[in-house]
């Protein structure tokens, strides 16, 4: 399985709206990740969260500075817990 991110926009409520390469959209909530603390503590700063987000590796991951990377596949599963990617070609 290989989901691809076309674009992503961080929102002030610590969610990220993702547009996938197949044209679909989903929202991933990062509040539970932020609550874990540790390396994820930086994401609790609204300015950092919303302004430092980038899409890396031709849509392979979301990233913030300090090596805070989240793979496209894991984000797909987080936003579609009961679905599978039916056609991998649609995500390339």
PDB file of N, CA and C in Angstrom:
ATOM      1  N   UNK A   1       0.826  -1.169   0.000  1.00  0.00           N
ATOM      2  CA  UNK A   1       0.000   0.000   0.000  1.00  0.00           C
ATOM      3  C   UNK A   1       0.875   1.239   0.000  1.00  0.00           C
ATOM      4  N   UNK A   2       0.531   2.176  -0.851  1.00  0.00           N
ATOM      5  CA  UNK A   2       1.298   3.420  -0.899  1.00  0.00           C
ATOM      6  C   UNK A   2       0.375   4.589  -1.185  1.00  0.00           C
ATOM      7  N   UNK A   3      -0.079   5.221  -0.141  1.00  0.00           N
ATOM      8  CA  UNK A   3      -0.874   6.442  -0.288  1.00  0.00           C
ATOM      9  C   UNK A   3       0.071   7.594  -0.610  1.00  0.00           C
ATOM     10  N   UNK A   4      -0.418   8.561  -1.344  1.00  0.00           N
ATOM     11  CA  UNK A   4       0.377   9.743  -1.687  1.00  0.00           C
ATOM     12  C   UNK A   4      -0.396  10.996  -1.314  1.00  0.00           C
ATOM     13  N   UNK A   5       0.302  11.949  -0.725  1.00  0.00           N
ATOM     14  CA  UNK A   5      -0.291  13.218  -0.325  1.00  0.00           C
ATOM     15  C   UNK A   5      -0.060  14.242  -1.430  1.00  0.00           C
ATOM     16  N   UNK A   6      -1.128  14.844  -1.903  1.00  0.00           N
ATOM     17  CA  UNK A   6      -0.997  15.909  -2.901  1.00  0.00           C
ATOM     18  C   UNK A   6      -0.719  17.239  -2.214  1.00  0.00           C
ATOM     19  N   UNK A   7      -1.480  17.521  -1.141  1.00  0.00           N
ATOM     20  CA  UNK A   7      -1.268  18.756  -0.391  1.00  0.00           C
ATOM     21  C   UNK A   7      -1.803  18.564   1.024  1.00  0.00           C
ATOM     22  N   UNK A   8      -1.378  19.443   1.911  1.00  0.00           N
ATOM     23  CA  UNK A   8      -1.830  19.378   3.305  1.00  0.00           C
ATOM     24  C   UNK A   8      -1.865  20.780   3.883  1.00  0.00           C
ATOM     25  N   UNK A   9      -2.850  20.986   4.764  1.00  0.00           N
ATOM     26  CA  UNK A   9      -2.998  22.285   5.413  1.00  0.00           C
ATOM     27  C   UNK A   9      -3.252  22.063   6.896  1.00  0.00           C
ATOM     28  N   UNK A  10      -2.353  22.590   7.722  1.00  0.00           N
ATOM     29  CA  UNK A  10      -2.525  22.503   9.174  1.00  0.00           C
ATOM     30  C   UNK A  10      -3.549  23.531   9.603  1.00  0.00           C
ATOM     31  N   UNK A  11      -4.436  23.126  10.517  1.00  0.00           N
ATOM     32  CA  UNK A  11      -5.477  24.007  11.027  1.00  0.00           C
ATOM     33  C   UNK A  11      -5.169  24.385  12.476  1.00  0.00           C
ATOM     34  N   UNK A  12      -5.743  25.464  12.965  1.00  0.00           N
ATOM     35  CA  UNK A  12      -5.458  25.921  14.332  1.00  0.00           C
ATOM     36  C   UNK A  12      -5.929  24.957  15.425  1.00  0.00           C
ATOM     37  N   UNK A  13      -6.822  24.025  15.094  1.00  0.00           N
ATOM     38  CA  UNK A  13      -7.316  23.075  16.097  1.00  0.00           C
ATOM     39  C   UNK A  13      -6.471  21.799  16.167  1.00  0.00           C
ATOM     40  N   UNK A  14      -5.259  21.856  15.635  1.00  0.00           N
ATOM     41  CA  UNK A  14      -4.305  20.748  15.639  1.00  0.00           C
ATOM     42  C   UNK A  14      -4.774  19.561  14.802  1.00  0.00           C
ATOM     43  N   UNK A  15      -5.481  19.878  13.739  1.00  0.00           N
ATOM     44  CA  UNK A  15      -5.812  18.883  12.732  1.00  0.00           C
ATOM     45  C   UNK A  15      -5.123  19.292  11.435  1.00  0.00           C
ATOM     46  N   UNK A  16      -4.980  18.325  10.544  1.00  0.00           N
ATOM     47  CA  UNK A  16      -4.398  18.593   9.228  1.00  0.00           C
ATOM     48  C   UNK A  16      -5.368  18.082   8.175  1.00  0.00           C
ATOM     49  N   UNK A  17      -5.740  18.970   7.266  1.00  0.00           N
ATOM     50  CA  UNK A  17      -6.571  18.580   6.134  1.00  0.00           C
ATOM     51  C   UNK A  17      -5.641  18.108   5.022  1.00  0.00           C
ATOM     52  N   UNK A  18      -5.870  16.894   4.558  1.00  0.00           N
ATOM     53  CA  UNK A  18      -5.010  16.296   3.534  1.00  0.00           C
ATOM     54  C   UNK A  18      -5.804  16.081   2.257  1.00  0.00           C
ATOM     55  N   UNK A  19      -5.222  16.494   1.142  1.00  0.00           N
ATOM     56  CA  UNK A  19      -5.743  16.126  -0.164  1.00  0.00           C
ATOM     57  C   UNK A  19      -4.844  15.025  -0.693  1.00  0.00           C
ATOM     58  N   UNK A  20      -5.439  13.889  -1.013  1.00  0.00           N
ATOM     59  CA  UNK A  20      -4.694  12.732  -1.494  1.00  0.00           C
ATOM     60  C   UNK A  20      -4.531  12.798  -3.003  1.00  0.00           C
ATOM     61  N   UNK A  21      -3.579  12.070  -3.532  1.00  0.00           N
ATOM     62  CA  UNK A  21      -3.291  12.082  -4.966  1.00  0.00           C
ATOM     63  C   UNK A  21      -4.493  11.637  -5.798  1.00  0.00           C
ATOM     64  N   UNK A  22      -5.395  10.858  -5.217  1.00  0.00           N
ATOM     65  CA  UNK A  22      -6.584  10.411  -5.958  1.00  0.00           C
ATOM     66  C   UNK A  22      -7.695  11.458  -5.952  1.00  0.00           C
ATOM     67  N   UNK A  23      -7.457  12.620  -5.286  1.00  0.00           N
ATOM     68  CA  UNK A  23      -8.439  13.694  -5.239  1.00  0.00           C
ATOM     69  C   UNK A  23      -9.318  13.690  -4.003  1.00  0.00           C
ATOM     70  N   UNK A  24      -9.291  12.616  -3.223  1.00  0.00           N
ATOM     71  CA  UNK A  24     -10.095  12.583  -2.002  1.00  0.00           C
ATOM     72  C   UNK A  24      -9.439  13.445  -0.929  1.00  0.00           C
ATOM     73  N   UNK A  25     -10.213  13.758   0.107  1.00  0.00           N
ATOM     74  CA  UNK A  25      -9.721  14.585   1.210  1.00  0.00           C
ATOM     75  C   UNK A  25     -10.056  13.909   2.521  1.00  0.00           C
ATOM     76  N   UNK A  26      -9.240  14.174   3.523  1.00  0.00           N
ATOM     77  CA  UNK A  26      -9.525  13.695   4.874  1.00  0.00           C
ATOM     78  C   UNK A  26      -8.864  14.636   5.873  1.00  0.00           C
ATOM     79  N   UNK A  27      -9.252  14.470   7.133  1.00  0.00           N
ATOM     80  CA  UNK A  27      -8.708  15.289   8.209  1.00  0.00           C
ATOM     81  C   UNK A  27      -8.102  14.353   9.249  1.00  0.00           C
ATOM     82  N   UNK A  28      -6.867  14.653   9.651  1.00  0.00           N
ATOM     83  CA  UNK A  28      -6.183  13.870  10.683  1.00  0.00           C
ATOM     84  C   UNK A  28      -6.020  14.750  11.914  1.00  0.00           C
ATOM     85  N   UNK A  29      -6.460  14.237  13.052  1.00  0.00           N
ATOM     86  CA  UNK A  29      -6.385  14.948  14.325  1.00  0.00           C
ATOM     87  C   UNK A  29      -5.089  14.555  15.041  1.00  0.00           C
ATOM     88  N   UNK A  30      -4.262  15.539  15.360  1.00  0.00           N
ATOM     89  CA  UNK A  30      -2.979  15.287  16.017  1.00  0.00           C
ATOM     90  C   UNK A  30      -3.012  15.531  17.525  1.00  0.00           C
ATOM     91  N   UNK A  31      -4.188  15.798  18.100  1.00  0.00           N
ATOM     92  CA  UNK A  31      -4.222  16.115  19.531  1.00  0.00           C
ATOM     93  C   UNK A  31      -3.753  14.948  20.393  1.00  0.00           C
ATOM     94  N   UNK A  32      -4.123  13.717  20.069  1.00  0.00           N
ATOM     95  CA  UNK A  32      -3.662  12.562  20.860  1.00  0.00           C
ATOM     96  C   UNK A  32      -2.146  12.401  20.748  1.00  0.00           C
ATOM     97  N   UNK A  33      -1.599  12.661  19.579  1.00  0.00           N
ATOM     98  CA  UNK A  33      -0.144  12.578  19.387  1.00  0.00           C
ATOM     99  C   UNK A  33       0.544  13.636  20.230  1.00  0.00           C
ATOM    100  N   UNK A  34       0.021  14.847  20.231  1.00  0.00           N
ATOM    101  CA  UNK A  34       0.610  15.944  21.001  1.00  0.00           C
ATOM    102  C   UNK A  34       0.573  15.636  22.496  1.00  0.00           C
ATOM    103  N   UNK A  35      -0.519  15.025  22.960  1.00  0.00           N
ATOM    104  CA  UNK A  35      -0.645  14.683  24.385  1.00  0.00           C
ATOM    105  C   UNK A  35       0.408  13.692  24.855  1.00  0.00           C
ATOM    106  N   UNK A  36       0.992  12.942  23.943  1.00  0.00           N
ATOM    107  CA  UNK A  36       2.044  11.990  24.311  1.00  0.00           C
ATOM    108  C   UNK A  36       3.277  12.706  24.850  1.00  0.00           C
ATOM    109  N   UNK A  37       3.445  13.961  24.480  1.00  0.00           N
ATOM    110  CA  UNK A  37       4.588  14.746  24.952  1.00  0.00           C
ATOM    111  C   UNK A  37       5.879  14.323  24.286  1.00  0.00           C
ATOM    112  N   UNK A  38       6.969  14.477  24.999  1.00  0.00           N
ATOM    113  CA  UNK A  38       8.283  14.130  24.451  1.00  0.00           C
ATOM    114  C   UNK A  38       8.576  14.881  23.175  1.00  0.00           C
ATOM    115  N   UNK A  39       9.007  14.166  22.154  1.00  0.00           N
ATOM    116  CA  UNK A  39       9.367  14.794  20.882  1.00  0.00           C
ATOM    117  C   UNK A  39       8.183  15.483  20.215  1.00  0.00           C
ATOM    118  N   UNK A  40       6.958  15.068  20.583  1.00  0.00           N
ATOM    119  CA  UNK A  40       5.770  15.650  19.976  1.00  0.00           C
ATOM    120  C   UNK A  40       5.344  16.960  20.636  1.00  0.00           C
ATOM    121  N   UNK A  41       6.000  17.343  21.719  1.00  0.00           N
ATOM    122  CA  UNK A  41       5.638  18.563  22.455  1.00  0.00           C
ATOM    123  C   UNK A  41       5.700  19.813  21.586  1.00  0.00           C
ATOM    124  N   UNK A  42       6.628  19.850  20.652  1.00  0.00           N
ATOM    125  CA  UNK A  42       6.745  21.040  19.796  1.00  0.00           C
ATOM    126  C   UNK A  42       5.485  21.299  18.994  1.00  0.00           C
ATOM    127  N   UNK A  43       4.746  20.234  18.684  1.00  0.00           N
ATOM    128  CA  UNK A  43       3.526  20.389  17.896  1.00  0.00           C
ATOM    129  C   UNK A  43       2.430  21.120  18.667  1.00  0.00           C
ATOM    130  N   UNK A  44       2.565  21.225  19.982  1.00  0.00           N
ATOM    131  CA  UNK A  44       1.567  21.908  20.814  1.00  0.00           C
ATOM    132  C   UNK A  44       1.591  23.424  20.635  1.00  0.00           C
ATOM    133  N   UNK A  45       2.641  23.947  20.038  1.00  0.00           N
ATOM    134  CA  UNK A  45       2.725  25.377  19.749  1.00  0.00           C
ATOM    135  C   UNK A  45       1.924  25.636  18.471  1.00  0.00           C
ATOM    136  N   UNK A  46       0.798  26.356  18.573  1.00  0.00           N
ATOM    137  CA  UNK A  46      -0.053  26.560  17.393  1.00  0.00           C
ATOM    138  C   UNK A  46       0.671  27.186  16.208  1.00  0.00           C
ATOM    139  N   UNK A  47       1.567  28.097  16.485  1.00  0.00           N
ATOM    140  CA  UNK A  47       2.328  28.745  15.403  1.00  0.00           C
ATOM    141  C   UNK A  47       3.225  27.729  14.691  1.00  0.00           C
ATOM    142  N   UNK A  48       3.945  26.932  15.463  1.00  0.00           N
ATOM    143  CA  UNK A  48       4.810  25.896  14.906  1.00  0.00           C
ATOM    144  C   UNK A  48       3.977  24.889  14.116  1.00  0.00           C
ATOM    145  N   UNK A  49       2.888  24.422  14.712  1.00  0.00           N
ATOM    146  CA  UNK A  49       2.044  23.419  14.066  1.00  0.00           C
ATOM    147  C   UNK A  49       1.513  23.913  12.731  1.00  0.00           C
ATOM    148  N   UNK A  50       0.999  25.116  12.708  1.00  0.00           N
ATOM    149  CA  UNK A  50       0.336  25.592  11.497  1.00  0.00           C
ATOM    150  C   UNK A  50       1.277  26.147  10.431  1.00  0.00           C
ATOM    151  N   UNK A  51       2.426  26.649  10.822  1.00  0.00           N
ATOM    152  CA  UNK A  51       3.291  27.304   9.826  1.00  0.00           C
ATOM    153  C   UNK A  51       4.490  26.476   9.366  1.00  0.00           C
ATOM    154  N   UNK A  52       4.824  25.427  10.079  1.00  0.00           N
ATOM    155  CA  UNK A  52       6.041  24.673   9.746  1.00  0.00           C
ATOM    156  C   UNK A  52       5.777  23.347   9.045  1.00  0.00           C
ATOM    157  N   UNK A  53       4.525  23.016   8.784  1.00  0.00           N
ATOM    158  CA  UNK A  53       4.172  21.761   8.126  1.00  0.00           C
ATOM    159  C   UNK A  53       4.625  21.765   6.672  1.00  0.00           C
ATOM    160  N   UNK A  54       5.221  20.661   6.232  1.00  0.00           N
ATOM    161  CA  UNK A  54       5.573  20.481   4.830  1.00  0.00           C
ATOM    162  C   UNK A  54       5.206  19.071   4.387  1.00  0.00           C
ATOM    163  N   UNK A  55       5.049  18.907   3.085  1.00  0.00           N
ATOM    164  CA  UNK A  55       4.854  17.593   2.479  1.00  0.00           C
ATOM    165  C   UNK A  55       6.186  17.196   1.879  1.00  0.00           C
ATOM    166  N   UNK A  56       6.663  16.001   2.217  1.00  0.00           N
ATOM    167  CA  UNK A  56       7.978  15.576   1.744  1.00  0.00           C
ATOM    168  C   UNK A  56       7.932  14.327   0.883  1.00  0.00           C
ATOM    169  N   UNK A  57       9.070  14.089   0.219  1.00  0.00           N
ATOM    170  CA  UNK A  57       9.236  12.859  -0.552  1.00  0.00           C
ATOM    171  C   UNK A  57       8.194  12.631  -1.628  1.00  0.00           C
ATOM    172  N   UNK A  58       7.834  13.676  -2.353  1.00  0.00           N
ATOM    173  CA  UNK A  58       6.835  13.563  -3.420  1.00  0.00           C
ATOM    174  C   UNK A  58       5.513  13.004  -2.898  1.00  0.00           C
ATOM    175  N   UNK A  59       5.138  13.431  -1.686  1.00  0.00           N
ATOM    176  CA  UNK A  59       3.870  13.015  -1.104  1.00  0.00           C
ATOM    177  C   UNK A  59       3.950  11.802  -0.205  1.00  0.00           C
ATOM    178  N   UNK A  60       5.163  11.390   0.148  1.00  0.00           N
ATOM    179  CA  UNK A  60       5.345  10.200   0.982  1.00  0.00           C
ATOM    180  C   UNK A  60       5.117  10.453   2.461  1.00  0.00           C
ATOM    181  N   UNK A  61       5.224  11.710   2.921  1.00  0.00           N
ATOM    182  CA  UNK A  61       5.066  11.994   4.347  1.00  0.00           C
ATOM    183  C   UNK A  61       4.735  13.451   4.597  1.00  0.00           C
ATOM    184  N   UNK A  62       4.240  13.710   5.823  1.00  0.00           N
ATOM    185  CA  UNK A  62       4.121  15.067   6.348  1.00  0.00           C
ATOM    186  C   UNK A  62       5.265  15.259   7.313  1.00  0.00           C
ATOM    187  N   UNK A  63       5.766  16.478   7.394  1.00  0.00           N
ATOM    188  CA  UNK A  63       6.933  16.716   8.226  1.00  0.00           C
ATOM    189  C   UNK A  63       6.879  18.093   8.868  1.00  0.00           C
ATOM    190  N   UNK A  64       7.410  18.152  10.084  1.00  0.00           N
ATOM    191  CA  UNK A  64       7.697  19.394  10.778  1.00  0.00           C
ATOM    192  C   UNK A  64       9.178  19.360  11.123  1.00  0.00           C
ATOM    193  N   UNK A  65       9.816  20.514  11.334  1.00  0.00           N
ATOM    194  CA  UNK A  65      11.230  20.518  11.731  1.00  0.00           C
ATOM    195  C   UNK A  65      11.465  19.650  12.974  1.00  0.00           C
ATOM    196  N   UNK A  66      12.690  19.280  13.205  1.00  0.00           N
ATOM    197  CA  UNK A  66      13.119  18.412  14.312  1.00  0.00           C
ATOM    198  C   UNK A  66      12.748  16.959  14.057  1.00  0.00           C
ATOM    199  N   UNK A  67      12.720  16.569  12.776  1.00  0.00           N
ATOM    200  CA  UNK A  67      12.480  15.177  12.404  1.00  0.00           C
ATOM    201  C   UNK A  67      11.145  14.632  12.874  1.00  0.00           C
ATOM    202  N   UNK A  68      10.110  15.452  12.836  1.00  0.00           N
ATOM    203  CA  UNK A  68       8.761  15.001  13.154  1.00  0.00           C
ATOM    204  C   UNK A  68       8.076  14.632  11.843  1.00  0.00           C
ATOM    205  N   UNK A  69       8.193  13.371  11.455  1.00  0.00           N
ATOM    206  CA  UNK A  69       7.683  12.886  10.181  1.00  0.00           C
ATOM    207  C   UNK A  69       6.581  11.855  10.404  1.00  0.00           C
ATOM    208  N   UNK A  70       5.555  11.901   9.547  1.00  0.00           N
ATOM    209  CA  UNK A  70       4.435  10.972   9.611  1.00  0.00           C
ATOM    210  C   UNK A  70       4.193  10.448   8.199  1.00  0.00           C
ATOM    211  N   UNK A  71       4.292   9.143   8.010  1.00  0.00           N
ATOM    212  CA  UNK A  71       4.165   8.566   6.672  1.00  0.00           C
ATOM    213  C   UNK A  71       2.754   8.718   6.128  1.00  0.00           C
ATOM    214  N   UNK A  72       2.655   8.829   4.820  1.00  0.00           N
ATOM    215  CA  UNK A  72       1.358   8.945   4.163  1.00  0.00           C
ATOM    216  C   UNK A  72       0.484   7.730   4.469  1.00  0.00           C
ATOM    217  N   UNK A  73       1.066   6.538   4.457  1.00  0.00           N
ATOM    218  CA  UNK A  73       0.292   5.334   4.743  1.00  0.00           C
ATOM    219  C   UNK A  73      -0.316   5.385   6.146  1.00  0.00           C
ATOM    220  N   UNK A  74       0.481   5.787   7.135  1.00  0.00           N
ATOM    221  CA  UNK A  74      -0.044   5.825   8.505  1.00  0.00           C
ATOM    222  C   UNK A  74      -1.145   6.880   8.634  1.00  0.00           C
ATOM    223  N   UNK A  75      -0.999   7.998   7.942  1.00  0.00           N
ATOM    224  CA  UNK A  75      -2.016   9.044   7.984  1.00  0.00           C
ATOM    225  C   UNK A  75      -3.300   8.599   7.283  1.00  0.00           C
ATOM    226  N   UNK A  76      -3.141   7.845   6.185  1.00  0.00           N
ATOM    227  CA  UNK A  76      -4.315   7.297   5.500  1.00  0.00           C
ATOM    228  C   UNK A  76      -5.091   6.394   6.459  1.00  0.00           C
ATOM    229  N   UNK A  77      -4.380   5.501   7.141  1.00  0.00           N
ATOM    230  CA  UNK A  77      -5.045   4.589   8.077  1.00  0.00           C
ATOM    231  C   UNK A  77      -5.688   5.333   9.242  1.00  0.00           C
ATOM    232  N   UNK A  78      -5.042   6.387   9.720  1.00  0.00           N
ATOM    233  CA  UNK A  78      -5.621   7.169  10.822  1.00  0.00           C
ATOM    234  C   UNK A  78      -6.916   7.838  10.404  1.00  0.00           C
ATOM    235  N   UNK A  79      -6.993   8.273   9.165  1.00  0.00           N
ATOM    236  CA  UNK A  79      -8.181   8.990   8.708  1.00  0.00           C
ATOM    237  C   UNK A  79      -9.219   8.075   8.049  1.00  0.00           C
ATOM    238  N   UNK A  80      -8.856   6.829   7.811  1.00  0.00           N
ATOM    239  CA  UNK A  80      -9.761   5.841   7.200  1.00  0.00           C
ATOM    240  C   UNK A  80      -9.614   4.507   7.929  1.00  0.00           C
ATOM    241  N   UNK A  81      -9.937   4.442   9.214  1.00  0.00           N
ATOM    242  CA  UNK A  81      -9.643   3.242   9.993  1.00  0.00           C
ATOM    243  C   UNK A  81     -10.354   1.977   9.522  1.00  0.00           C
ATOM    244  N   UNK A  82     -11.427   2.109   8.786  1.00  0.00           N
ATOM    245  CA  UNK A  82     -12.180   0.931   8.348  1.00  0.00           C
ATOM    246  C   UNK A  82     -12.102   0.687   6.849  1.00  0.00           C
ATOM    247  N   UNK A  83     -11.144   1.343   6.203  1.00  0.00           N
ATOM    248  CA  UNK A  83     -11.023   1.212   4.751  1.00  0.00           C
ATOM    249  C   UNK A  83      -9.635   0.730   4.371  1.00  0.00           C
ATOM    250  N   UNK A  84      -9.544   0.170   3.185  1.00  0.00           N
ATOM    251  CA  UNK A  84      -8.263  -0.178   2.590  1.00  0.00           C
ATOM    252  C   UNK A  84      -8.132   0.606   1.298  1.00  0.00           C
ATOM    253  N   UNK A  85      -6.927   0.782   0.853  1.00  0.00           N
ATOM    254  CA  UNK A  85      -6.714   1.430  -0.431  1.00  0.00           C
ATOM    255  C   UNK A  85      -6.964   0.370  -1.502  1.00  0.00           C
ATOM    256  N   UNK A  86      -8.003   0.571  -2.298  1.00  0.00           N
ATOM    257  CA  UNK A  86      -8.409  -0.443  -3.259  1.00  0.00           C
ATOM    258  C   UNK A  86      -7.459  -0.519  -4.452  1.00  0.00           C
ATOM    259  N   UNK A  87      -7.017   0.602  -4.919  1.00  0.00           N
ATOM    260  CA  UNK A  87      -6.203   0.622  -6.129  1.00  0.00           C
ATOM    261  C   UNK A  87      -4.952   1.440  -5.881  1.00  0.00           C
ATOM    262  N   UNK A  88      -3.839   0.762  -5.677  1.00  0.00           N
ATOM    263  CA  UNK A  88      -2.586   1.477  -5.375  1.00  0.00           C
ATOM    264  C   UNK A  88      -2.202   2.440  -6.482  1.00  0.00           C
ATOM    265  N   UNK A  89      -2.539   2.124  -7.719  1.00  0.00           N
ATOM    266  CA  UNK A  89      -2.161   2.987  -8.831  1.00  0.00           C
ATOM    267  C   UNK A  89      -2.792   4.373  -8.696  1.00  0.00           C
ATOM    268  N   UNK A  90      -3.929   4.463  -8.038  1.00  0.00           N
ATOM    269  CA  UNK A  90      -4.601   5.755  -7.887  1.00  0.00           C
ATOM    270  C   UNK A  90      -3.842   6.694  -6.986  1.00  0.00           C
ATOM    271  N   UNK A  91      -2.896   6.180  -6.232  1.00  0.00           N
ATOM    272  CA  UNK A  91      -2.174   7.013  -5.279  1.00  0.00           C
ATOM    273  C   UNK A  91      -0.775   7.365  -5.745  1.00  0.00           C
ATOM    274  N   UNK A  92      -0.411   7.001  -6.915  1.00  0.00           N
ATOM    275  CA  UNK A  92       0.924   7.304  -7.438  1.00  0.00           C
ATOM    276  C   UNK A  92       0.887   8.432  -8.404  1.00  0.00           C
TER     277      UNK A  92
END
